[in-house]
Amino acid sequence: MTDNLRGAILMMLAMLGFGIEDAFFKAATATGGVTAGMGTVQYGLVAMALYAVYARAKGVPVLTPAYLKRGLLIRTGFEIVGRLFFALSLAYTPLSTTSAILQAAPLVVMAGAALFLGEKIGPRRWAAMAVGLAGVLLIVRPSPEGIEPNAIFALLGMIGFAGRDLATRAAPASVHAAQLGVLGFAVVTVAGLVILAFEPGPPTLPAPLAALLICGTAVSGVLGYTAMTFAMRTGEVGVVAPFRYFRLIVALVLAYTLFGERPDALTLSGAALIVGAGVYSLIRDRRSGAARRSALKPKA
């Protein structure tokens, strides 16, 4: 088995884990046994504990002073926004809609890299980003009365995650993946506390079934994150990254079978445009990188 094939399989397993994570969280909040805020707090605490155990097993400190460096502070701020609004979107928006809008994050990252990091983006990839944006508009369907309120949660969550991915480039290389996991899920906990502060009534502990589902959310999320880390370190990024879109297929299947969601033609068309534009952009990026390396290679 080649490294690229192994990386692709790991990425699909990671997306399966993330899809199951989303379904667990939506099921937990749908039972009425836990609010979005309390569910997010429990999810963050359980996953943070799992990553702390992983860090100790790897012999690295659970906490590091690098958390206070500027790059990681910016990353943390964006992740709070992403986690906060993504949790609200999972609780109050159809799973298929939330997952479809999330797929636009790589396109936003690419645009951000061009605008803020000085990366060169060709006209074809700008066109692909425009197509992806059209797909998002098909899903949220803005009208003269405005955008459907719950869809805004998914949009803001996607923007937060895109900003986090951009800021990750500034994260110190010395920070171990387990330490990033601890920080990431500490952020989830903070996001949950923010949501909790705005929920009506006093906080209540999750019902037993809801608590069990949230534990499933944490385990699935940790396994998905770990598999994705190994995937990105195993194969070529240009080959492995497009398999991130497998998450949307998982989400659509789970939304259909578990929650009875029936996305309409416009939602499915929008999702297809987003995925198609993202895959095309990744392929173009890979070809451009190969061409640059070929041009720089010394000629005999």
Protein backbone atom coordinates (compact mmCIF):
# COMPACT_ATOMS: atom_id res chain seq x y z
CA MET A 1 0.00 0.00 0.00
CA THR A 2 1.41 3.37 -1.03
CA ASP A 3 1.66 6.32 1.35
CA ASN A 4 -0.90 8.24 -0.71
CA LEU A 5 -3.43 5.39 -0.54
CA ARG A 6 -2.82 4.98 3.19
CA GLY A 7 -3.23 8.74 3.66
CA ALA A 8 -6.47 8.76 1.65
CA ILE A 9 -7.91 5.91 3.74
CA LEU A 10 -6.92 7.67 6.96
CA MET A 11 -8.55 10.90 5.76
CA MET A 12 -11.79 9.09 4.95
CA LEU A 13 -11.72 7.46 8.39
CA ALA A 14 -11.15 10.91 9.91
CA MET A 15 -14.14 12.33 8.04
CA LEU A 16 -16.23 9.33 9.13
CA GLY A 17 -15.23 10.12 12.73
CA PHE A 18 -16.16 13.79 12.35
CA GLY A 19 -19.48 12.91 10.71
CA ILE A 20 -20.36 10.56 13.57
CA GLU A 21 -19.23 13.24 16.04
CA ASP A 22 -21.68 15.73 14.50
CA ALA A 23 -24.51 13.18 14.53
CA PHE A 24 -23.89 12.31 18.20
CA PHE A 25 -24.00 15.99 19.19
CA LYS A 26 -27.15 16.69 17.20
CA ALA A 27 -28.83 13.60 18.66
CA ALA A 28 -27.86 14.64 22.19
CA THR A 29 -29.31 18.14 21.84
CA ALA A 30 -32.38 16.86 19.96
CA THR A 31 -33.40 14.62 22.88
CA GLY A 32 -33.92 17.68 25.08
CA GLY A 33 -31.68 16.07 27.68
CA VAL A 34 -28.94 18.66 27.26
CA THR A 35 -28.73 22.21 25.95
CA ALA A 36 -26.27 23.26 23.25
CA GLY A 37 -24.19 25.13 25.84
CA MET A 38 -23.96 22.37 28.44
CA GLY A 39 -23.41 19.75 25.74
CA THR A 40 -20.52 21.76 24.31
CA VAL A 41 -18.97 22.18 27.78
CA GLN A 42 -19.15 18.43 28.47
CA TYR A 43 -17.82 17.62 25.01
CA GLY A 44 -14.84 19.94 25.48
CA LEU A 45 -13.99 18.63 28.95
CA VAL A 46 -14.14 14.94 27.97
CA ALA A 47 -12.12 15.42 24.77
CA MET A 48 -9.58 17.64 26.58
CA ALA A 49 -9.09 14.89 29.19
CA LEU A 50 -8.55 12.30 26.45
CA TYR A 51 -5.92 14.48 24.79
CA ALA A 52 -4.23 15.13 28.15
CA VAL A 53 -3.86 11.36 28.59
CA TYR A 54 -2.47 11.14 25.04
CA ALA A 55 0.05 13.93 25.76
CA ARG A 56 1.29 12.19 28.91
CA ALA A 57 1.56 8.89 27.02
CA LYS A 58 3.77 10.66 24.46
CA GLY A 59 5.90 12.14 27.23
CA VAL A 60 5.11 15.78 26.45
CA PRO A 61 3.73 18.34 28.93
CA VAL A 62 -0.03 18.76 28.81
CA LEU A 63 0.34 22.56 28.88
CA THR A 64 2.98 24.72 27.24
CA PRO A 65 3.89 28.44 27.47
CA ALA A 66 3.64 28.52 23.67
CA TYR A 67 -0.14 28.78 24.10
CA LEU A 68 0.42 32.48 24.90
CA LYS A 69 2.35 33.25 21.71
CA ARG A 70 0.69 35.62 19.29
CA GLY A 71 0.10 33.05 16.55
CA LEU A 72 -1.66 30.62 18.85
CA LEU A 73 -3.69 33.37 20.52
CA ILE A 74 -5.03 34.43 17.11
CA ARG A 75 -5.72 30.78 16.26
CA THR A 76 -7.54 30.35 19.58
CA GLY A 77 -9.73 33.39 18.97
CA PHE A 78 -10.85 32.12 15.57
CA GLU A 79 -11.44 28.63 16.95
CA ILE A 80 -13.70 29.99 19.70
CA VAL A 81 -15.82 31.65 17.00
CA GLY A 82 -15.85 28.48 14.89
CA ARG A 83 -16.70 26.12 17.75
CA LEU A 84 -19.32 28.40 19.24
CA PHE A 85 -21.34 28.91 16.08
CA PHE A 86 -20.78 25.38 14.75
CA ALA A 87 -22.27 23.96 17.98
CA LEU A 88 -25.27 26.28 17.64
CA SER A 89 -25.66 25.27 14.00
CA LEU A 90 -25.59 21.55 14.84
CA ALA A 91 -28.24 22.12 17.51
CA TYR A 92 -30.63 24.30 15.50
CA THR A 93 -29.91 23.72 11.79
CA PRO A 94 -30.33 20.54 9.71
CA LEU A 95 -27.15 18.43 9.77
CA SER A 96 -27.03 18.32 5.97
CA THR A 97 -27.12 22.13 5.70
CA THR A 98 -24.46 22.64 8.39
CA SER A 99 -22.10 20.10 6.83
CA ALA A 100 -22.58 21.46 3.31
CA ILE A 101 -21.73 25.04 4.33
CA LEU A 102 -18.70 23.80 6.30
CA GLN A 103 -17.23 22.40 3.08
CA ALA A 104 -16.63 25.96 1.87
CA ALA A 105 -13.94 26.48 4.53
CA PRO A 106 -11.00 25.35 2.30
CA LEU A 107 -12.08 27.87 -0.36
CA VAL A 108 -12.20 30.65 2.24
CA VAL A 109 -8.76 29.58 3.48
CA MET A 110 -7.42 29.83 -0.07
CA ALA A 111 -8.89 33.31 -0.52
CA GLY A 112 -7.51 34.38 2.87
CA ALA A 113 -4.06 33.09 1.97
CA ALA A 114 -4.12 35.24 -1.17
CA LEU A 115 -5.44 38.37 0.55
CA PHE A 116 -3.50 38.26 3.82
CA LEU A 117 -0.47 35.98 3.29
CA GLY A 118 0.48 37.10 -0.21
CA GLU A 119 0.03 33.69 -1.87
CA LYS A 120 -0.53 33.82 -5.62
CA ILE A 121 -3.88 32.50 -6.82
CA GLY A 122 -4.54 32.13 -10.55
CA PRO A 123 -7.74 33.25 -12.29
CA ARG A 124 -9.03 29.68 -12.59
CA ARG A 125 -8.91 29.14 -8.85
CA TRP A 126 -10.54 32.53 -8.22
CA ALA A 127 -13.30 31.38 -10.59
CA ALA A 128 -13.59 28.12 -8.65
CA MET A 129 -13.98 30.11 -5.42
CA ALA A 130 -16.77 32.13 -7.04
CA VAL A 131 -18.51 28.88 -7.98
CA GLY A 132 -18.14 27.66 -4.38
CA LEU A 133 -19.65 30.91 -3.10
CA ALA A 134 -22.57 30.43 -5.49
CA GLY A 135 -23.05 27.00 -3.92
CA VAL A 136 -23.20 28.54 -0.45
CA LEU A 137 -25.79 31.07 -1.66
CA LEU A 138 -27.92 28.25 -3.06
CA ILE A 139 -27.97 26.67 0.40
CA VAL A 140 -28.60 29.77 2.54
CA ARG A 141 -30.86 31.42 -0.10
CA PRO A 142 -30.70 35.10 0.86
CA SER A 143 -33.91 36.99 0.10
CA PRO A 144 -35.06 40.60 0.46
CA GLU A 145 -36.16 39.64 3.96
CA GLY A 146 -32.62 38.44 4.79
CA ILE A 147 -30.87 35.11 5.37
CA GLU A 148 -32.62 32.38 7.34
CA PRO A 149 -31.35 33.06 10.90
CA ASN A 150 -30.11 29.57 11.76
CA ALA A 151 -28.05 29.37 8.55
CA ILE A 152 -25.99 32.29 9.85
CA PHE A 153 -24.69 30.01 12.62
CA ALA A 154 -23.19 27.65 10.01
CA LEU A 155 -21.71 30.57 8.02
CA LEU A 156 -20.05 32.12 11.07
CA GLY A 157 -18.79 28.72 12.21
CA MET A 158 -17.28 28.07 8.79
CA ILE A 159 -15.56 31.49 8.79
CA GLY A 160 -14.18 30.81 12.28
CA PHE A 161 -12.73 27.46 11.23
CA ALA A 162 -11.24 28.97 8.06
CA GLY A 163 -9.56 31.68 10.15
CA ARG A 164 -8.26 29.01 12.54
CA ASP A 165 -6.74 27.05 9.64
CA LEU A 166 -5.04 30.20 8.32
CA ALA A 167 -3.69 31.08 11.77
CA THR A 168 -2.39 27.52 12.22
CA ARG A 169 0.37 28.40 9.77
CA ALA A 170 1.70 30.81 12.39
CA ALA A 171 1.58 28.23 15.20
CA PRO A 172 5.01 27.29 16.61
CA ALA A 173 6.30 24.03 15.14
CA SER A 174 7.50 23.00 18.62
CA VAL A 175 3.90 22.52 19.83
CA HIS A 176 3.07 18.79 19.79
CA ALA A 177 -0.16 17.63 18.11
CA ALA A 178 -1.42 16.40 21.50
CA GLN A 179 -0.85 19.86 23.00
CA LEU A 180 -2.75 21.44 20.11
CA GLY A 181 -5.54 18.96 20.84
CA VAL A 182 -5.65 19.97 24.51
CA LEU A 183 -5.78 23.64 23.50
CA GLY A 184 -8.40 23.02 20.82
CA PHE A 185 -10.81 21.28 23.18
CA ALA A 186 -10.16 23.80 25.94
CA VAL A 187 -11.47 26.29 23.38
CA VAL A 188 -14.53 24.07 22.86
CA THR A 189 -15.18 24.27 26.61
CA VAL A 190 -14.89 28.07 26.58
CA ALA A 191 -17.27 28.26 23.62
CA GLY A 192 -19.73 26.11 25.55
CA LEU A 193 -19.54 28.44 28.55
CA VAL A 194 -20.28 31.42 26.29
CA ILE A 195 -23.35 29.68 24.86
CA LEU A 196 -24.40 28.63 28.36
CA ALA A 197 -24.27 32.23 29.58
CA PHE A 198 -26.94 33.23 27.03
CA GLU A 199 -29.25 30.26 27.52
CA PRO A 200 -32.42 30.91 29.54
CA GLY A 201 -32.77 29.46 33.02
CA PRO A 202 -30.14 28.00 35.33
CA PRO A 203 -27.68 25.42 33.93
CA THR A 204 -28.75 21.79 34.38
CA LEU A 205 -26.69 18.61 34.16
CA PRO A 206 -27.27 16.43 31.06
CA ALA A 207 -29.74 13.56 31.29
CA PRO A 208 -28.03 10.11 31.29
CA LEU A 209 -28.74 9.34 27.62
CA ALA A 210 -27.66 12.81 26.49
CA ALA A 211 -24.46 12.57 28.59
CA LEU A 212 -23.67 9.22 26.96
CA LEU A 213 -24.21 10.70 23.49
CA ILE A 214 -21.91 13.63 24.31
CA CYS A 215 -19.21 11.17 25.44
CA GLY A 216 -19.62 9.50 22.04
CA THR A 217 -19.21 12.94 20.46
CA ALA A 218 -15.90 13.45 22.29
CA VAL A 219 -14.48 10.01 21.46
CA SER A 220 -15.45 10.31 17.78
CA GLY A 221 -14.00 13.83 17.59
CA VAL A 222 -10.67 12.79 19.12
CA LEU A 223 -10.38 9.75 16.84
CA GLY A 224 -11.25 11.87 13.79
CA TYR A 225 -8.74 14.58 14.68
CA THR A 226 -5.99 12.02 15.29
CA ALA A 227 -6.69 10.18 12.03
CA MET A 228 -6.63 13.47 10.12
CA THR A 229 -3.26 14.37 11.65
CA PHE A 230 -1.77 11.06 10.56
CA ALA A 231 -3.37 11.37 7.12
CA MET A 232 -1.80 14.79 6.46
CA ARG A 233 1.59 13.46 7.55
CA THR A 234 1.39 10.24 5.52
CA GLY A 235 0.51 11.13 1.93
CA GLU A 236 0.94 14.13 -0.35
CA VAL A 237 -1.31 16.98 0.72
CA GLY A 238 -2.62 17.49 -2.82
CA VAL A 239 -3.70 13.85 -2.99
CA VAL A 240 -5.05 13.43 0.54
CA ALA A 241 -6.79 16.78 1.14
CA PRO A 242 -9.66 16.31 -1.38
CA PHE A 243 -10.87 13.34 0.65
CA ARG A 244 -11.96 15.85 3.33
CA TYR A 245 -15.15 16.18 1.29
CA PHE A 246 -16.05 12.61 2.23
CA ARG A 247 -17.42 14.22 5.40
CA LEU A 248 -20.34 15.67 3.45
CA ILE A 249 -21.30 12.24 2.09
CA VAL A 250 -21.21 10.83 5.63
CA ALA A 251 -23.30 13.75 6.89
CA LEU A 252 -25.93 13.37 4.17
CA VAL A 253 -26.26 9.63 4.82
CA LEU A 254 -26.54 10.11 8.60
CA ALA A 255 -28.95 13.04 8.20
CA TYR A 256 -31.17 10.90 5.97
CA THR A 257 -31.09 7.70 8.03
CA LEU A 258 -31.02 9.05 11.60
CA PHE A 259 -32.83 12.38 11.47
CA GLY A 260 -35.17 11.94 8.51
CA GLU A 261 -33.74 14.97 6.71
CA ARG A 262 -34.53 15.25 3.02
CA PRO A 263 -32.33 17.99 1.51
CA ASP A 264 -34.04 19.62 -1.46
CA ALA A 265 -32.57 19.98 -4.94
CA LEU A 266 -31.15 23.46 -4.28
CA THR A 267 -29.28 22.27 -1.16
CA LEU A 268 -27.85 19.25 -2.98
CA SER A 269 -26.90 21.40 -5.99
CA GLY A 270 -25.18 23.91 -3.71
CA ALA A 271 -23.28 21.13 -1.95
CA ALA A 272 -22.18 19.71 -5.32
CA LEU A 273 -20.91 23.15 -6.44
CA ILE A 274 -18.95 23.65 -3.19
CA VAL A 275 -17.33 20.20 -3.31
CA GLY A 276 -16.60 20.43 -7.05
CA ALA A 277 -15.02 23.87 -6.68
CA GLY A 278 -12.94 22.72 -3.70
CA VAL A 279 -11.63 19.58 -5.40
CA TYR A 280 -10.81 21.54 -8.57
CA SER A 281 -8.92 24.17 -6.54
CA LEU A 282 -6.89 21.51 -4.75
CA ILE A 283 -6.02 19.80 -8.05
CA ARG A 284 -4.96 23.13 -9.58
CA ASP A 285 -2.88 23.91 -6.50
CA ARG A 286 -1.12 20.55 -6.78
CA ARG A 287 -0.39 21.05 -10.49
CA SER A 288 0.88 24.59 -9.89
CA GLY A 289 3.17 23.32 -7.15
CA ALA A 290 4.51 20.58 -9.41
CA ALA A 291 5.13 23.11 -12.19
CA ARG A 292 7.01 25.44 -9.82
CA ARG A 293 9.21 22.58 -8.59
CA SER A 294 9.92 21.53 -12.18
CA ALA A 295 10.90 25.09 -13.12
CA LEU A 296 13.27 25.35 -10.15
CA LYS A 297 14.92 21.99 -10.81
CA PRO A 298 18.46 22.42 -12.24
CA LYS A 299 18.73 21.33 -15.84
CA ALA A 300 21.43 18.89 -16.87
